[in-house]
């Protein structure tokens, strides 16, 4: 653990961009964990006397059409959006990397089966496929997670398949095989850990895509249902008020969405360096 923390400190201090992205990530996590307990107003409480108030010292991001505090709703929405993204990416990472590793290591029918499955998923426009899945199964948070996981699964399957296929004949794998390691042990202990650096970059990118996907589904009415605080819903509700001058209703939730995606896009290189065994020497 001490060596890991030392390596983490080196990675953060070596690259200022990674340090900045790490600070933004910590800020998002803190907002998700503790934000609902620290917000100044109840995000669900409406007050018609305060409807459509511009940003002020009392309401930093203004109020919406029902008099609810926009700042409080944005902070509370962080937990839901991050939870959807983390759950979806975790499911697609585990299943996709497992299937891709088996396909790349054994080849044959396993490779063909996984390849045709990923080709079938990617034959559809991914957001349209997510819309179809949610529309068929119902627009609940669980179904949004499943739909997002399905459309992201081919990325991990293809990356892990390629990385394993390249390394299965490497000298260190042949040496481990001669030492008496079984095929599964070779894959799990020697090959798979070396596929994690590019997979971590993909995880970082997919986190941003998963947040955008959830927000996009909510924006078109197939995601989280009102009055739940969610960035996509807030942008959709505020879009109709831009023409009449209430710009803050869509601007601030959109800025929070952009900041989250920006953070995970910057975090990819840092995760790769943190996981890569070659960077620990």
Protein backbone atom coordinates (compact mmCIF):
# COMPACT_ATOMS: atom_id res chain seq x y z
CA UNK A 1 0.00 0.00 0.00
CA UNK A 2 2.86 2.35 0.83
CA UNK A 3 4.47 1.74 -2.56
CA UNK A 4 1.14 2.35 -4.30
CA UNK A 5 0.67 5.69 -2.53
CA UNK A 6 4.24 6.66 -3.40
CA UNK A 7 3.62 5.79 -7.04
CA UNK A 8 0.32 7.71 -6.98
CA UNK A 9 2.09 10.79 -5.63
CA UNK A 10 4.70 10.52 -8.38
CA UNK A 11 2.05 10.23 -11.12
CA UNK A 12 0.12 13.25 -9.80
CA UNK A 13 3.14 15.48 -9.39
CA UNK A 14 4.79 14.47 -12.67
CA UNK A 15 1.94 15.75 -14.85
CA UNK A 16 0.09 18.96 -13.84
CA UNK A 17 -2.85 18.03 -16.10
CA UNK A 18 -3.29 14.74 -14.25
CA UNK A 19 -3.12 16.60 -10.93
CA UNK A 20 -5.77 19.06 -12.12
CA UNK A 21 -8.00 16.23 -13.35
CA UNK A 22 -7.51 14.39 -10.08
CA UNK A 23 -8.56 17.47 -8.11
CA UNK A 24 -11.71 17.83 -10.23
CA UNK A 25 -12.46 14.13 -9.78
CA UNK A 26 -12.13 14.42 -5.99
CA UNK A 27 -14.44 17.45 -6.09
CA UNK A 28 -17.07 15.46 -8.02
CA UNK A 29 -16.82 12.53 -5.64
CA UNK A 30 -17.15 14.78 -2.58
CA UNK A 31 -20.18 16.48 -4.15
CA UNK A 32 -21.74 13.07 -4.80
CA UNK A 33 -21.06 11.74 -1.31
CA UNK A 34 -21.68 14.77 0.89
CA UNK A 35 -23.46 17.27 -1.37
CA UNK A 36 -27.02 16.23 -0.46
CA UNK A 37 -26.23 16.93 3.20
CA UNK A 38 -24.56 20.31 2.59
CA UNK A 39 -26.81 22.03 0.05
CA UNK A 40 -28.43 25.22 1.34
CA UNK A 41 -31.96 24.36 0.17
CA UNK A 42 -34.15 21.32 -0.28
CA UNK A 43 -33.79 20.46 -3.99
CA UNK A 44 -37.35 19.16 -4.17
CA UNK A 45 -39.10 22.01 -2.34
CA UNK A 46 -40.98 24.39 -4.64
CA UNK A 47 -41.92 27.98 -3.91
CA UNK A 48 -43.98 29.83 -6.51
CA UNK A 49 -43.02 33.20 -5.00
CA UNK A 50 -39.36 32.54 -5.94
CA UNK A 51 -39.89 31.13 -9.42
CA UNK A 52 -37.40 32.10 -12.16
CA UNK A 53 -35.22 34.29 -9.96
CA UNK A 54 -31.81 35.11 -11.51
CA UNK A 55 -28.54 34.21 -9.74
CA UNK A 56 -28.05 36.13 -6.52
CA UNK A 57 -26.31 35.86 -3.15
CA UNK A 58 -29.25 33.86 -1.79
CA UNK A 59 -29.54 31.55 -4.82
CA UNK A 60 -26.14 31.30 -6.49
CA UNK A 61 -27.45 29.66 -9.67
CA UNK A 62 -30.94 31.17 -9.53
CA UNK A 63 -34.24 29.31 -9.22
CA UNK A 64 -36.27 27.30 -11.71
CA UNK A 65 -39.90 27.64 -12.84
CA UNK A 66 -41.11 26.04 -9.61
CA UNK A 67 -38.95 28.15 -7.33
CA UNK A 68 -36.46 25.36 -6.59
CA UNK A 69 -32.81 26.27 -5.98
CA UNK A 70 -30.81 25.34 -9.11
CA UNK A 71 -27.48 25.09 -7.26
CA UNK A 72 -28.88 22.59 -4.76
CA UNK A 73 -30.40 20.50 -7.53
CA UNK A 74 -27.13 20.42 -9.50
CA UNK A 75 -25.15 19.26 -6.47
CA UNK A 76 -27.70 16.58 -5.57
CA UNK A 77 -27.84 15.39 -9.19
CA UNK A 78 -24.11 14.63 -9.08
CA UNK A 79 -24.70 11.49 -7.03
CA UNK A 80 -27.28 10.06 -9.43
CA UNK A 81 -25.34 10.80 -12.61
CA UNK A 82 -22.07 9.43 -11.24
CA UNK A 83 -23.83 6.36 -9.86
CA UNK A 84 -25.35 5.59 -13.27
CA UNK A 85 -22.02 6.09 -15.04
CA UNK A 86 -19.95 4.07 -12.55
CA UNK A 87 -22.44 1.18 -12.49
CA UNK A 88 -22.74 1.01 -16.28
CA UNK A 89 -19.00 1.25 -16.90
CA UNK A 90 -18.24 -1.35 -14.21
CA UNK A 91 -20.65 -3.85 -15.77
CA UNK A 92 -19.37 -3.30 -19.31
CA UNK A 93 -15.73 -3.37 -18.15
CA UNK A 94 -16.02 -6.68 -16.30
CA UNK A 95 -18.09 -8.51 -18.91
CA UNK A 96 -16.41 -6.97 -21.96
CA UNK A 97 -12.83 -7.47 -20.78
CA UNK A 98 -13.59 -11.05 -19.70
CA UNK A 99 -15.16 -11.98 -23.04
CA UNK A 100 -12.45 -10.20 -25.02
CA UNK A 101 -9.66 -11.87 -23.03
CA UNK A 102 -11.11 -15.33 -23.59
CA UNK A 103 -11.57 -14.61 -27.30
CA UNK A 104 -8.03 -13.30 -27.71
CA UNK A 105 -6.40 -16.11 -25.72
CA UNK A 106 -8.27 -19.16 -27.07
CA UNK A 107 -9.30 -17.91 -30.53
CA UNK A 108 -11.43 -20.24 -32.63
CA UNK A 109 -15.16 -20.35 -31.97
CA UNK A 110 -14.85 -18.15 -28.88
CA UNK A 111 -13.20 -15.42 -30.94
CA UNK A 112 -15.80 -15.69 -33.69
CA UNK A 113 -18.71 -15.64 -31.23
CA UNK A 114 -17.48 -12.59 -29.33
CA UNK A 115 -16.57 -10.86 -32.59
CA UNK A 116 -20.02 -11.32 -34.11
CA UNK A 117 -21.68 -10.16 -30.89
CA UNK A 118 -19.66 -6.94 -30.74
CA UNK A 119 -20.14 -6.35 -34.48
CA UNK A 120 -23.92 -6.69 -34.02
CA UNK A 121 -24.00 -4.13 -31.22
CA UNK A 122 -21.81 -1.66 -33.10
CA UNK A 123 -23.86 -2.04 -36.29
CA UNK A 124 -26.47 0.22 -34.65
CA UNK A 125 -25.99 3.89 -33.79
CA UNK A 126 -25.17 3.42 -30.11
CA UNK A 127 -27.41 6.14 -28.71
CA UNK A 128 -30.30 4.93 -30.85
CA UNK A 129 -29.70 1.40 -29.55
CA UNK A 130 -29.76 2.72 -25.97
CA UNK A 131 -33.03 4.52 -26.74
CA UNK A 132 -34.55 1.30 -28.06
CA UNK A 133 -33.45 -0.73 -25.03
CA UNK A 134 -34.81 1.79 -22.54
CA UNK A 135 -38.04 2.25 -24.51
CA UNK A 136 -38.59 -1.52 -24.59
CA UNK A 137 -37.66 -2.22 -20.96
CA UNK A 138 -39.00 0.99 -19.37
CA UNK A 139 -37.30 4.23 -18.40
CA UNK A 140 -36.00 3.34 -14.94
CA UNK A 141 -32.53 4.00 -13.54
CA UNK A 142 -31.70 0.28 -13.67
CA UNK A 143 -32.61 0.02 -17.36
CA UNK A 144 -30.57 3.14 -18.17
CA UNK A 145 -27.58 1.44 -16.53
CA UNK A 146 -28.13 -1.78 -18.49
CA UNK A 147 -28.56 0.06 -21.80
CA UNK A 148 -25.44 2.12 -21.22
CA UNK A 149 -23.46 -0.99 -20.27
CA UNK A 150 -24.57 -2.83 -23.41
CA UNK A 151 -23.54 -0.08 -25.82
CA UNK A 152 -20.14 0.29 -24.10
CA UNK A 153 -19.38 -3.45 -23.93
CA UNK A 154 -17.80 -3.77 -27.44
CA UNK A 155 -15.09 -1.22 -26.62
CA UNK A 156 -13.69 -3.33 -23.76
CA UNK A 157 -14.14 -6.60 -25.62
CA UNK A 158 -12.18 -5.35 -28.63
CA UNK A 159 -9.40 -3.70 -26.66
CA UNK A 160 -8.85 -6.67 -24.35
CA UNK A 161 -9.06 -9.15 -27.25
CA UNK A 162 -6.38 -7.26 -29.17
CA UNK A 163 -4.07 -6.85 -26.16
CA UNK A 164 -4.35 -10.51 -25.11
CA UNK A 165 -3.88 -11.74 -28.67
CA UNK A 166 -0.65 -9.75 -28.93
CA UNK A 167 0.77 -10.95 -25.61
CA UNK A 168 -0.22 -14.63 -25.56
CA UNK A 169 2.95 -15.57 -27.47
CA UNK A 170 5.28 -13.17 -25.65
CA UNK A 171 8.48 -14.53 -24.08
CA UNK A 172 7.33 -13.97 -20.50
CA UNK A 173 4.14 -15.94 -21.20
CA UNK A 174 6.10 -18.82 -22.75
CA UNK A 175 8.43 -18.81 -19.75
CA UNK A 176 5.48 -18.93 -17.36
CA UNK A 177 3.96 -21.79 -19.35
CA UNK A 178 7.21 -23.75 -19.16
CA UNK A 179 7.20 -23.16 -15.39
CA UNK A 180 4.00 -25.22 -15.21
CA UNK A 181 1.27 -22.54 -15.10
CA UNK A 182 -2.13 -23.53 -16.46
CA UNK A 183 -3.80 -21.64 -19.29
CA UNK A 184 -6.27 -19.89 -16.98
CA UNK A 185 -3.48 -18.90 -14.59
CA UNK A 186 -1.44 -17.56 -17.50
CA UNK A 187 -4.38 -15.46 -18.63
CA UNK A 188 -5.40 -14.23 -15.17
CA UNK A 189 -2.00 -13.62 -13.58
CA UNK A 190 0.39 -12.84 -16.42
CA UNK A 191 -1.47 -11.58 -19.49
CA UNK A 192 -4.59 -9.79 -18.19
CA UNK A 193 -2.75 -7.38 -15.82
CA UNK A 194 -0.75 -6.12 -18.82
CA UNK A 195 -3.97 -5.28 -20.69
CA UNK A 196 -5.21 -2.96 -17.94
CA UNK A 197 -3.41 0.30 -18.97
CA UNK A 198 -5.31 0.74 -22.28
CA UNK A 199 -8.47 -0.52 -20.62
CA UNK A 200 -8.15 2.18 -17.95
CA UNK A 201 -7.98 4.85 -20.63
CA UNK A 202 -11.13 3.36 -22.12
CA UNK A 203 -12.80 3.39 -18.69
CA UNK A 204 -12.07 7.09 -18.31
CA UNK A 205 -13.49 7.90 -21.74
CA UNK A 206 -16.53 5.69 -21.19
CA UNK A 207 -17.32 7.41 -17.90
CA UNK A 208 -17.79 10.66 -19.78
CA UNK A 209 -19.81 8.95 -22.51
CA UNK A 210 -21.98 7.19 -19.91
CA UNK A 211 -22.81 10.51 -18.23
CA UNK A 212 -23.64 12.05 -21.59
CA UNK A 213 -25.75 9.03 -22.54
CA UNK A 214 -27.77 9.17 -19.32
CA UNK A 215 -28.24 12.92 -19.68
CA UNK A 216 -29.22 12.53 -23.33
CA UNK A 217 -31.84 9.91 -22.53
CA UNK A 218 -33.25 12.15 -19.81
CA UNK A 219 -33.23 15.12 -22.18
CA UNK A 220 -35.51 13.34 -24.69
CA UNK A 221 -37.78 11.93 -21.97
CA UNK A 222 -36.47 8.34 -21.87
CA UNK A 223 -34.24 8.68 -18.83
CA UNK A 224 -34.79 9.62 -15.22
CA UNK A 225 -38.24 11.02 -14.62
CA UNK A 226 -39.02 14.43 -13.11
CA UNK A 227 -39.02 15.79 -10.47
CA UNK A 228 -35.80 13.87 -9.75
CA UNK A 229 -32.76 16.14 -9.89
CA UNK A 230 -30.67 15.05 -12.90
CA UNK A 231 -28.48 17.13 -15.20
CA UNK A 232 -30.15 16.05 -18.45
CA UNK A 233 -33.64 16.75 -17.11
CA UNK A 234 -32.55 20.17 -15.86
CA UNK A 235 -31.07 21.10 -19.24
CA UNK A 236 -34.24 19.91 -20.99
CA UNK A 237 -36.48 21.90 -18.64
CA UNK A 238 -34.32 25.01 -18.92
CA UNK A 239 -34.02 24.91 -22.72
CA UNK A 240 -37.55 26.22 -23.14
CA UNK A 241 -36.80 29.28 -21.03
CA UNK A 242 -33.67 30.47 -22.86
CA UNK A 243 -35.71 32.46 -25.39
CA UNK A 244 -37.50 34.35 -22.63
CA UNK A 245 -34.20 35.26 -20.96
CA UNK A 246 -33.90 32.72 -18.12
CA UNK A 247 -30.49 31.49 -19.33
CA UNK A 248 -29.30 30.12 -15.99
CA UNK A 249 -31.76 27.22 -16.02
CA UNK A 250 -29.90 25.43 -18.84
CA UNK A 251 -26.44 27.01 -18.55
CA UNK A 252 -25.42 25.80 -15.09
CA UNK A 253 -26.60 22.16 -15.41
CA UNK A 254 -24.96 22.05 -18.84
CA UNK A 255 -21.75 23.43 -17.35
CA UNK A 256 -21.81 20.74 -14.64
CA UNK A 257 -22.28 18.08 -17.31
CA UNK A 258 -19.41 19.51 -19.37
CA UNK A 259 -17.14 19.67 -16.32
CA UNK A 260 -17.77 16.02 -15.45
CA UNK A 261 -17.06 14.81 -18.99
CA UNK A 262 -13.98 17.05 -19.21
CA UNK A 263 -12.66 15.63 -15.93
CA UNK A 264 -12.91 12.00 -17.01
CA UNK A 265 -11.39 12.72 -20.41
CA UNK A 266 -8.34 14.29 -18.73
CA UNK A 267 -8.10 11.51 -16.18
CA UNK A 268 -7.43 8.76 -18.74
CA UNK A 269 -3.66 9.24 -19.09
CA UNK A 270 -3.22 9.38 -15.33
CA UNK A 271 -5.11 6.11 -14.82
CA UNK A 272 -3.02 4.46 -17.52
CA UNK A 273 0.23 5.54 -15.85
CA UNK A 274 -1.04 4.45 -12.43
CA UNK A 275 -1.97 0.93 -13.54
CA UNK A 276 0.84 0.29 -16.03
CA UNK A 277 3.36 -2.11 -14.38
CA UNK A 278 6.18 -0.62 -16.48
CA UNK A 279 5.72 2.80 -14.82
CA UNK A 280 6.42 1.32 -11.37
CA UNK A 281 10.05 0.60 -12.10
